[in-house]
Amino acid sequence: MRILITNDDGINAPGLAVLEAIAADIAGPDGEVWVVAPAFEQSGVAHCISYTHPTMIAQMGERRYAAEGSPADCVLAGVHDVLKDTPPDLILSGVNRGNNSAENALYSGTLGGAMEGALQGIRSIALSQYLGPQTMTLDNPFEGSATHGAAVIRQILDAELPDDQPYTLFWNVNFPPVPAADVRGVKLAPQGIRPNTGFSVEPHVSPSGRRFLWAKGGNQRVGTAEGTDAAVNLEGYISVTPMRADLTDHAMLTALRDSFA
């Protein structure tokens, strides 16, 4: 198996090293793992692509490249440049430092990389490590994803059904904020939303007197509805959420059809 991996925390991020080990396990001794990751951190860029300026790419080692762009840029570079003659069988994005459950999924560059992989027609999975008091004291805060990541990916690949939808499926996997030994299992879960929680801005004045705004995240310990992604993560489960890039509300489309006849 040939696997392309990327992330949004940058090519030197510890979560990428965790994903490289997971990918090597999945690929097996006869497989290949290729890295095309952002040269610098790209957290929060979602599915952004560098449409108005070129992306510089540099080879950093064998099967290892850094691109000055977003995770989606890196997937485009991997599929259409680095691996243009031998496309990957699987794209993995992560392991993100922090969860991409609930509304975080909409901002996530990690998810953006997986989404672009799906738009290219390639099986794609995003992986993120929920952080919290129990993980921050570990020698390796990515312990849960490092221990359980390969098994979850195999479970997804083994369970994937034939798919004839125009927008290819991709997967959002979030590992809970607990030590690996305390992970309670894997649950399929829809995307949730944290009530009354979201991004905001916090103003600061620089020494030169200029005013700047820092984006500020909400409380990540707020639970979502029962059975949804962040809720099961906070209960100690790995959440697995199938997703598509189709943003249409199909139920509402049907309900409003007579009103727009």
C-alpha atoms as a PDB file:
ATOM      1  CA  MET A   1       0.000   0.000   0.000  1.00  0.00           C
ATOM      2  CA  ARG A   2       1.197   3.505  -0.820  1.00  0.00           C
ATOM      3  CA  ILE A   3       0.179   6.078   1.796  1.00  0.00           C
ATOM      4  CA  LEU A   4       0.440   9.865   1.591  1.00  0.00           C
ATOM      5  CA  ILE A   5       0.418  11.695   4.931  1.00  0.00           C
ATOM      6  CA  THR A   6       0.066  15.356   5.809  1.00  0.00           C
ATOM      7  CA  ASN A   7      -0.998  17.503   8.767  1.00  0.00           C
ATOM      8  CA  ASP A   8      -1.696  21.125   9.737  1.00  0.00           C
ATOM      9  CA  ASP A   9       0.736  21.439  12.674  1.00  0.00           C
ATOM     10  CA  GLY A  10       3.765  21.467  10.370  1.00  0.00           C
ATOM     11  CA  ILE A  11       6.401  19.036   9.199  1.00  0.00           C
ATOM     12  CA  ASN A  12       8.283  19.107  12.532  1.00  0.00           C
ATOM     13  CA  ALA A  13       5.200  18.462  14.694  1.00  0.00           C
ATOM     14  CA  PRO A  14       5.332  15.483  17.081  1.00  0.00           C
ATOM     15  CA  GLY A  15       1.894  14.336  15.933  1.00  0.00           C
ATOM     16  CA  LEU A  16       3.231  13.872  12.404  1.00  0.00           C
ATOM     17  CA  ALA A  17       5.925  11.528  13.717  1.00  0.00           C
ATOM     18  CA  VAL A  18       3.168   9.529  15.432  1.00  0.00           C
ATOM     19  CA  LEU A  19       1.257   9.355  12.141  1.00  0.00           C
ATOM     20  CA  GLU A  20       4.364   8.234  10.260  1.00  0.00           C
ATOM     21  CA  ALA A  21       4.655   5.251  12.613  1.00  0.00           C
ATOM     22  CA  ILE A  22       0.945   4.462  12.236  1.00  0.00           C
ATOM     23  CA  ALA A  23       1.189   4.709   8.439  1.00  0.00           C
ATOM     24  CA  ALA A  24       4.259   2.447   8.359  1.00  0.00           C
ATOM     25  CA  ASP A  25       2.299  -0.164  10.314  1.00  0.00           C
ATOM     26  CA  ILE A  26      -0.631   0.063   7.876  1.00  0.00           C
ATOM     27  CA  ALA A  27       1.565   0.065   4.749  1.00  0.00           C
ATOM     28  CA  GLY A  28       3.527  -2.978   5.847  1.00  0.00           C
ATOM     29  CA  PRO A  29       7.088  -3.936   4.920  1.00  0.00           C
ATOM     30  CA  ASP A  30       6.354  -3.836   1.184  1.00  0.00           C
ATOM     31  CA  GLY A  31       4.454  -0.538   1.289  1.00  0.00           C
ATOM     32  CA  GLU A  32       5.504   3.094   1.027  1.00  0.00           C
ATOM     33  CA  VAL A  33       4.851   6.105   3.260  1.00  0.00           C
ATOM     34  CA  TRP A  34       5.238   9.532   1.664  1.00  0.00           C
ATOM     35  CA  VAL A  35       5.149  12.793   3.641  1.00  0.00           C
ATOM     36  CA  VAL A  36       4.054  16.102   2.147  1.00  0.00           C
ATOM     37  CA  ALA A  37       3.405  18.457   5.056  1.00  0.00           C
ATOM     38  CA  PRO A  38       3.303  22.222   5.605  1.00  0.00           C
ATOM     39  CA  ALA A  39       6.656  23.897   6.172  1.00  0.00           C
ATOM     40  CA  PHE A  40       5.012  25.977   8.931  1.00  0.00           C
ATOM     41  CA  GLU A  41       1.983  25.521  11.176  1.00  0.00           C
ATOM     42  CA  GLN A  42      -1.323  25.869   9.325  1.00  0.00           C
ATOM     43  CA  SER A  43      -3.843  25.273  12.120  1.00  0.00           C
ATOM     44  CA  GLY A  44      -7.305  26.686  11.481  1.00  0.00           C
ATOM     45  CA  VAL A  45      -6.965  27.076   7.712  1.00  0.00           C
ATOM     46  CA  ALA A  46      -9.757  24.530   7.025  1.00  0.00           C
ATOM     47  CA  HIS A  47      -9.902  23.565   3.334  1.00  0.00           C
ATOM     48  CA  CYS A  48      -7.970  26.626   2.152  1.00  0.00           C
ATOM     49  CA  ILE A  49      -5.893  26.310  -1.025  1.00  0.00           C
ATOM     50  CA  SER A  50      -3.247  28.764  -2.244  1.00  0.00           C
ATOM     51  CA  TYR A  51      -5.181  29.734  -5.357  1.00  0.00           C
ATOM     52  CA  THR A  52      -3.662  33.197  -5.897  1.00  0.00           C
ATOM     53  CA  HIS A  53       0.029  32.450  -5.332  1.00  0.00           C
ATOM     54  CA  PRO A  54       2.381  29.510  -5.969  1.00  0.00           C
ATOM     55  CA  THR A  55       3.395  26.975  -3.336  1.00  0.00           C
ATOM     56  CA  MET A  56       7.112  26.370  -2.824  1.00  0.00           C
ATOM     57  CA  ILE A  57       7.959  22.707  -2.194  1.00  0.00           C
ATOM     58  CA  ALA A  58      11.290  21.272  -1.044  1.00  0.00           C
ATOM     59  CA  GLN A  59      12.469  17.696  -0.581  1.00  0.00           C
ATOM     60  CA  MET A  60      13.626  17.179   3.013  1.00  0.00           C
ATOM     61  CA  GLY A  61      14.634  13.534   2.745  1.00  0.00           C
ATOM     62  CA  GLU A  62      13.621  10.248   1.178  1.00  0.00           C
ATOM     63  CA  ARG A  63       9.859  10.339   0.511  1.00  0.00           C
ATOM     64  CA  ARG A  64       9.644  13.518   2.625  1.00  0.00           C
ATOM     65  CA  TYR A  65       8.637  16.978   1.382  1.00  0.00           C
ATOM     66  CA  ALA A  66       7.742  20.329   2.943  1.00  0.00           C
ATOM     67  CA  ALA A  67       5.396  22.716   1.153  1.00  0.00           C
ATOM     68  CA  GLU A  68       4.787  26.364   2.011  1.00  0.00           C
ATOM     69  CA  GLY A  69       1.030  25.990   1.945  1.00  0.00           C
ATOM     70  CA  SER A  70      -2.027  24.525   3.597  1.00  0.00           C
ATOM     71  CA  PRO A  71      -2.758  20.827   4.182  1.00  0.00           C
ATOM     72  CA  ALA A  72      -5.026  20.866   1.115  1.00  0.00           C
ATOM     73  CA  ASP A  73      -2.125  22.366  -0.871  1.00  0.00           C
ATOM     74  CA  CYS A  74       0.067  19.527   0.392  1.00  0.00           C
ATOM     75  CA  VAL A  75      -2.423  16.914  -0.780  1.00  0.00           C
ATOM     76  CA  LEU A  76      -2.596  18.562  -4.203  1.00  0.00           C
ATOM     77  CA  ALA A  77       1.214  18.614  -4.315  1.00  0.00           C
ATOM     78  CA  GLY A  78       1.425  14.976  -3.266  1.00  0.00           C
ATOM     79  CA  VAL A  79      -1.187  13.691  -5.707  1.00  0.00           C
ATOM     80  CA  HIS A  80      -0.337  15.820  -8.740  1.00  0.00           C
ATOM     81  CA  ASP A  81       3.418  16.357  -8.376  1.00  0.00           C
ATOM     82  CA  VAL A  82       5.300  14.141  -5.924  1.00  0.00           C
ATOM     83  CA  LEU A  83       3.248  11.013  -6.664  1.00  0.00           C
ATOM     84  CA  LYS A  84       1.773  11.991 -10.028  1.00  0.00           C
ATOM     85  CA  ASP A  85       2.849   8.727 -11.705  1.00  0.00           C
ATOM     86  CA  THR A  86       2.069   6.450  -8.736  1.00  0.00           C
ATOM     87  CA  PRO A  87      -0.958   7.859  -6.866  1.00  0.00           C
ATOM     88  CA  PRO A  88      -1.497   6.946  -3.212  1.00  0.00           C
ATOM     89  CA  ASP A  89      -3.984   4.303  -2.129  1.00  0.00           C
ATOM     90  CA  LEU A  90      -4.726   6.128   1.130  1.00  0.00           C
ATOM     91  CA  ILE A  91      -4.294   9.640   2.537  1.00  0.00           C
ATOM     92  CA  LEU A  92      -3.892  10.199   6.291  1.00  0.00           C
ATOM     93  CA  SER A  93      -3.930  13.647   7.892  1.00  0.00           C
ATOM     94  CA  GLY A  94      -2.740  14.355  11.440  1.00  0.00           C
ATOM     95  CA  VAL A  95      -2.255  13.410  14.156  1.00  0.00           C
ATOM     96  CA  ASN A  96      -3.535  16.830  15.145  1.00  0.00           C
ATOM     97  CA  ARG A  97      -2.535  18.347  18.463  1.00  0.00           C
ATOM     98  CA  GLY A  98      -6.004  18.895  19.893  1.00  0.00           C
ATOM     99  CA  ASN A  99      -9.454  17.629  18.996  1.00  0.00           C
ATOM    100  CA  ASN A 100     -11.318  18.235  15.770  1.00  0.00           C
ATOM    101  CA  SER A 101     -14.675  17.132  17.123  1.00  0.00           C
ATOM    102  CA  ALA A 102     -17.882  19.154  16.912  1.00  0.00           C
ATOM    103  CA  GLU A 103     -17.595  22.651  15.412  1.00  0.00           C
ATOM    104  CA  ASN A 104     -13.787  22.401  15.395  1.00  0.00           C
ATOM    105  CA  ALA A 105     -14.146  20.194  12.314  1.00  0.00           C
ATOM    106  CA  LEU A 106     -15.263  23.218  10.289  1.00  0.00           C
ATOM    107  CA  TYR A 107     -12.052  25.147  10.996  1.00  0.00           C
ATOM    108  CA  SER A 108      -9.623  22.255  10.902  1.00  0.00           C
ATOM    109  CA  GLY A 109      -6.742  22.137   8.441  1.00  0.00           C
ATOM    110  CA  THR A 110      -6.381  18.477   9.386  1.00  0.00           C
ATOM    111  CA  LEU A 111      -9.906  17.836   8.090  1.00  0.00           C
ATOM    112  CA  GLY A 112      -9.155  20.101   5.119  1.00  0.00           C
ATOM    113  CA  GLY A 113      -6.371  17.756   4.032  1.00  0.00           C
ATOM    114  CA  ALA A 114      -8.642  14.712   4.262  1.00  0.00           C
ATOM    115  CA  MET A 115     -11.432  16.549   2.460  1.00  0.00           C
ATOM    116  CA  GLU A 116      -9.123  17.406  -0.431  1.00  0.00           C
ATOM    117  CA  GLY A 117      -8.026  13.784  -0.596  1.00  0.00           C
ATOM    118  CA  ALA A 118     -11.687  12.743  -0.889  1.00  0.00           C
ATOM    119  CA  LEU A 119     -12.288  15.337  -3.606  1.00  0.00           C
ATOM    120  CA  GLN A 120      -9.402  13.741  -5.478  1.00  0.00           C
ATOM    121  CA  GLY A 121     -11.233  10.411  -5.204  1.00  0.00           C
ATOM    122  CA  ILE A 122      -8.788   8.854  -2.707  1.00  0.00           C
ATOM    123  CA  ARG A 123      -9.707   7.198   0.595  1.00  0.00           C
ATOM    124  CA  SER A 124      -8.823   9.727   3.288  1.00  0.00           C
ATOM    125  CA  ILE A 125      -8.845   9.761   7.086  1.00  0.00           C
ATOM    126  CA  ALA A 126      -8.148  12.639   9.493  1.00  0.00           C
ATOM    127  CA  LEU A 127      -6.857  11.818  12.986  1.00  0.00           C
ATOM    128  CA  SER A 128      -6.774  14.122  16.011  1.00  0.00           C
ATOM    129  CA  GLN A 129      -5.734  13.721  19.633  1.00  0.00           C
ATOM    130  CA  TYR A 130      -8.073  15.334  22.179  1.00  0.00           C
ATOM    131  CA  LEU A 131      -5.948  16.928  24.903  1.00  0.00           C
ATOM    132  CA  GLY A 132      -6.820  17.446  28.540  1.00  0.00           C
ATOM    133  CA  PRO A 133      -5.474  17.204  32.091  1.00  0.00           C
ATOM    134  CA  GLN A 134      -4.951  13.436  31.819  1.00  0.00           C
ATOM    135  CA  THR A 135      -2.948  13.611  28.587  1.00  0.00           C
ATOM    136  CA  MET A 136      -0.849  16.716  29.245  1.00  0.00           C
ATOM    137  CA  THR A 137       0.945  14.996  32.127  1.00  0.00           C
ATOM    138  CA  LEU A 138       1.972  12.009  29.984  1.00  0.00           C
ATOM    139  CA  ASP A 139       5.473  11.644  28.574  1.00  0.00           C
ATOM    140  CA  ASN A 140       3.725  11.363  25.194  1.00  0.00           C
ATOM    141  CA  PRO A 141       0.431  13.298  24.977  1.00  0.00           C
ATOM    142  CA  PHE A 142      -0.263  11.352  21.740  1.00  0.00           C
ATOM    143  CA  GLU A 143      -0.128   8.025  23.581  1.00  0.00           C
ATOM    144  CA  GLY A 144      -3.756   7.155  22.801  1.00  0.00           C
ATOM    145  CA  SER A 145      -3.493   7.764  19.075  1.00  0.00           C
ATOM    146  CA  ALA A 146      -0.073   6.096  18.859  1.00  0.00           C
ATOM    147  CA  THR A 147      -1.398   2.964  20.575  1.00  0.00           C
ATOM    148  CA  HIS A 148      -4.812   2.655  18.914  1.00  0.00           C
ATOM    149  CA  GLY A 149      -4.394   4.522  15.608  1.00  0.00           C
ATOM    150  CA  ALA A 150      -3.441   1.641  13.323  1.00  0.00           C
ATOM    151  CA  ALA A 151      -6.244  -0.605  14.624  1.00  0.00           C
ATOM    152  CA  VAL A 152      -8.883   2.103  14.090  1.00  0.00           C
ATOM    153  CA  ILE A 153      -7.693   2.769  10.546  1.00  0.00           C
ATOM    154  CA  ARG A 154      -7.833  -0.955   9.745  1.00  0.00           C
ATOM    155  CA  GLN A 155     -11.343  -1.115  11.191  1.00  0.00           C
ATOM    156  CA  ILE A 156     -12.432   1.745   8.930  1.00  0.00           C
ATOM    157  CA  LEU A 157     -10.821   0.245   5.833  1.00  0.00           C
ATOM    158  CA  ASP A 158     -12.328  -3.182   6.537  1.00  0.00           C
ATOM    159  CA  ALA A 159     -15.810  -1.769   7.176  1.00  0.00           C
ATOM    160  CA  GLU A 160     -15.968   0.723   4.294  1.00  0.00           C
ATOM    161  CA  LEU A 161     -18.953  -0.031   2.063  1.00  0.00           C
ATOM    162  CA  PRO A 162     -19.295   0.512  -1.693  1.00  0.00           C
ATOM    163  CA  ASP A 163     -19.951   4.208  -2.261  1.00  0.00           C
ATOM    164  CA  ASP A 164     -21.651   5.626  -5.345  1.00  0.00           C
ATOM    165  CA  GLN A 165     -22.165   9.179  -4.073  1.00  0.00           C
ATOM    166  CA  PRO A 166     -20.667  12.037  -6.131  1.00  0.00           C
ATOM    167  CA  TYR A 167     -18.803  13.422  -3.110  1.00  0.00           C
ATOM    168  CA  THR A 168     -16.371  10.776  -1.867  1.00  0.00           C
ATOM    169  CA  LEU A 169     -16.556   9.810   1.799  1.00  0.00           C
ATOM    170  CA  PHE A 170     -13.787  10.793   4.220  1.00  0.00           C
ATOM    171  CA  TRP A 171     -13.391  10.073   7.921  1.00  0.00           C
ATOM    172  CA  ASN A 172     -12.880  12.137  11.051  1.00  0.00           C
ATOM    173  CA  VAL A 173     -11.265  10.202  13.936  1.00  0.00           C
ATOM    174  CA  ASN A 174     -10.757  11.756  17.372  1.00  0.00           C
ATOM    175  CA  PHE A 175      -8.882  10.023  20.191  1.00  0.00           C
ATOM    176  CA  PRO A 176     -10.111  10.806  23.721  1.00  0.00           C
ATOM    177  CA  PRO A 177      -8.209  12.869  26.320  1.00  0.00           C
ATOM    178  CA  VAL A 178      -7.169   9.866  28.399  1.00  0.00           C
ATOM    179  CA  PRO A 179      -4.120   7.577  28.619  1.00  0.00           C
ATOM    180  CA  ALA A 180      -4.051   4.747  26.081  1.00  0.00           C
ATOM    181  CA  ALA A 181      -4.871   2.134  28.729  1.00  0.00           C
ATOM    182  CA  ASP A 182      -8.056   4.019  29.672  1.00  0.00           C
ATOM    183  CA  VAL A 183      -9.498   4.204  26.140  1.00  0.00           C
ATOM    184  CA  ARG A 184     -12.862   2.441  26.410  1.00  0.00           C
ATOM    185  CA  GLY A 185     -13.341   1.539  22.754  1.00  0.00           C
ATOM    186  CA  VAL A 186     -14.466   2.954  19.414  1.00  0.00           C
ATOM    187  CA  LYS A 187     -17.859   4.506  18.655  1.00  0.00           C
ATOM    188  CA  LEU A 188     -19.408   5.698  15.419  1.00  0.00           C
ATOM    189  CA  ALA A 189     -20.665   9.187  16.198  1.00  0.00           C
ATOM    190  CA  PRO A 190     -22.192  12.093  14.278  1.00  0.00           C
ATOM    191  CA  GLN A 191     -20.648  15.544  14.482  1.00  0.00           C
ATOM    192  CA  GLY A 192     -21.882  17.464  17.492  1.00  0.00           C
ATOM    193  CA  ILE A 193     -21.823  21.117  18.523  1.00  0.00           C
ATOM    194  CA  ARG A 194     -20.767  22.541  21.875  1.00  0.00           C
ATOM    195  CA  PRO A 195     -23.643  24.726  23.150  1.00  0.00           C
ATOM    196  CA  ASN A 196     -22.794  28.396  23.690  1.00  0.00           C
ATOM    197  CA  THR A 197     -19.177  27.698  22.799  1.00  0.00           C
ATOM    198  CA  GLY A 198     -17.231  28.960  19.823  1.00  0.00           C
ATOM    199  CA  PHE A 199     -14.388  31.123  18.636  1.00  0.00           C
ATOM    200  CA  SER A 200     -14.108  34.779  19.568  1.00  0.00           C
ATOM    201  CA  VAL A 201     -11.391  37.432  19.490  1.00  0.00           C
ATOM    202  CA  GLU A 202      -9.322  39.024  22.256  1.00  0.00           C
ATOM    203  CA  PRO A 203      -7.809  42.468  21.622  1.00  0.00           C
ATOM    204  CA  HIS A 204      -4.218  43.359  22.555  1.00  0.00           C
ATOM    205  CA  VAL A 205      -2.225  46.545  22.106  1.00  0.00           C
ATOM    206  CA  SER A 206       1.378  46.171  20.934  1.00  0.00           C
ATOM    207  CA  PRO A 207       4.304  48.186  22.400  1.00  0.00           C
ATOM    208  CA  SER A 208       4.064  50.430  19.332  1.00  0.00           C
ATOM    209  CA  GLY A 209       0.456  51.250  20.163  1.00  0.00           C
ATOM    210  CA  ARG A 210      -1.117  49.212  17.377  1.00  0.00           C
ATOM    211  CA  ARG A 211      -4.215  47.170  18.167  1.00  0.00           C
ATOM    212  CA  PHE A 212      -4.299  43.457  17.307  1.00  0.00           C
ATOM    213  CA  LEU A 213      -6.945  40.770  17.664  1.00  0.00           C
ATOM    214  CA  TRP A 214      -6.082  37.204  18.663  1.00  0.00           C
ATOM    215  CA  ALA A 215      -8.518  34.429  17.765  1.00  0.00           C
ATOM    216  CA  LYS A 216      -9.626  32.710  20.960  1.00  0.00           C
ATOM    217  CA  GLY A 217     -11.123  29.203  21.204  1.00  0.00           C
ATOM    218  CA  GLY A 218     -13.930  28.118  23.477  1.00  0.00           C
ATOM    219  CA  ASN A 219     -13.981  25.644  26.367  1.00  0.00           C
ATOM    220  CA  GLN A 220     -13.151  22.201  24.945  1.00  0.00           C
ATOM    221  CA  ARG A 221     -14.528  20.409  27.992  1.00  0.00           C
ATOM    222  CA  VAL A 222     -18.107  21.405  27.168  1.00  0.00           C
ATOM    223  CA  GLY A 223     -20.027  18.313  26.160  1.00  0.00           C
ATOM    224  CA  THR A 224     -22.072  17.882  23.017  1.00  0.00           C
ATOM    225  CA  ALA A 225     -25.362  16.004  22.636  1.00  0.00           C
ATOM    226  CA  GLU A 226     -25.393  12.408  23.844  1.00  0.00           C
ATOM    227  CA  GLY A 227     -23.786  10.045  21.357  1.00  0.00           C
ATOM    228  CA  THR A 228     -22.084  12.760  19.278  1.00  0.00           C
ATOM    229  CA  ASP A 229     -18.347  13.012  18.724  1.00  0.00           C
ATOM    230  CA  ALA A 230     -17.099  15.258  21.536  1.00  0.00           C
ATOM    231  CA  ALA A 231     -19.502  13.634  24.006  1.00  0.00           C
ATOM    232  CA  VAL A 232     -18.122  10.134  23.414  1.00  0.00           C
ATOM    233  CA  ASN A 233     -14.555  11.501  23.428  1.00  0.00           C
ATOM    234  CA  LEU A 234     -15.098  12.969  26.892  1.00  0.00           C
ATOM    235  CA  GLU A 235     -16.467   9.578  27.969  1.00  0.00           C
ATOM    236  CA  GLY A 236     -13.171   7.963  26.930  1.00  0.00           C
ATOM    237  CA  TYR A 237     -14.115   6.610  23.498  1.00  0.00           C
ATOM    238  CA  ILE A 238     -12.496   7.088  20.097  1.00  0.00           C
ATOM    239  CA  SER A 239     -15.041   8.738  17.807  1.00  0.00           C
ATOM    240  CA  VAL A 240     -15.285   7.795  14.134  1.00  0.00           C
ATOM    241  CA  THR A 241     -17.376  10.092  11.944  1.00  0.00           C
ATOM    242  CA  PRO A 242     -17.998   9.541   8.214  1.00  0.00           C
ATOM    243  CA  MET A 243     -18.168  12.871   6.359  1.00  0.00           C
ATOM    244  CA  ARG A 244     -18.694  14.357   2.913  1.00  0.00           C
ATOM    245  CA  ALA A 245     -17.884  17.751   1.426  1.00  0.00           C
ATOM    246  CA  ASP A 246     -21.536  18.178   0.356  1.00  0.00           C
ATOM    247  CA  LEU A 247     -22.842  21.024   2.570  1.00  0.00           C
ATOM    248  CA  THR A 248     -26.418  20.769   1.318  1.00  0.00           C
ATOM    249  CA  ASP A 249     -29.124  20.272   3.950  1.00  0.00           C
ATOM    250  CA  HIS A 250     -31.024  17.641   1.974  1.00  0.00           C
ATOM    251  CA  ALA A 251     -33.872  17.335   4.506  1.00  0.00           C
ATOM    252  CA  MET A 252     -34.514  21.080   4.349  1.00  0.00           C
ATOM    253  CA  LEU A 253     -34.257  21.020   0.554  1.00  0.00           C
ATOM    254  CA  THR A 254     -37.108  18.512   0.449  1.00  0.00           C
ATOM    255  CA  ALA A 255     -39.167  20.339   3.083  1.00  0.00           C
ATOM    256  CA  LEU A 256     -38.960  23.670   1.221  1.00  0.00           C
ATOM    257  CA  ARG A 257     -39.526  22.313  -2.280  1.00  0.00           C
ATOM    258  CA  ASP A 258     -43.220  23.331  -2.385  1.00  0.00           C
ATOM    259  CA  SER A 259     -42.422  26.827  -1.114  1.00  0.00           C
ATOM    260  CA  PHE A 260     -40.103  27.437  -4.057  1.00  0.00           C
ATOM    261  CA  ALA A 261     -42.200  25.657  -6.686  1.00  0.00           C
END
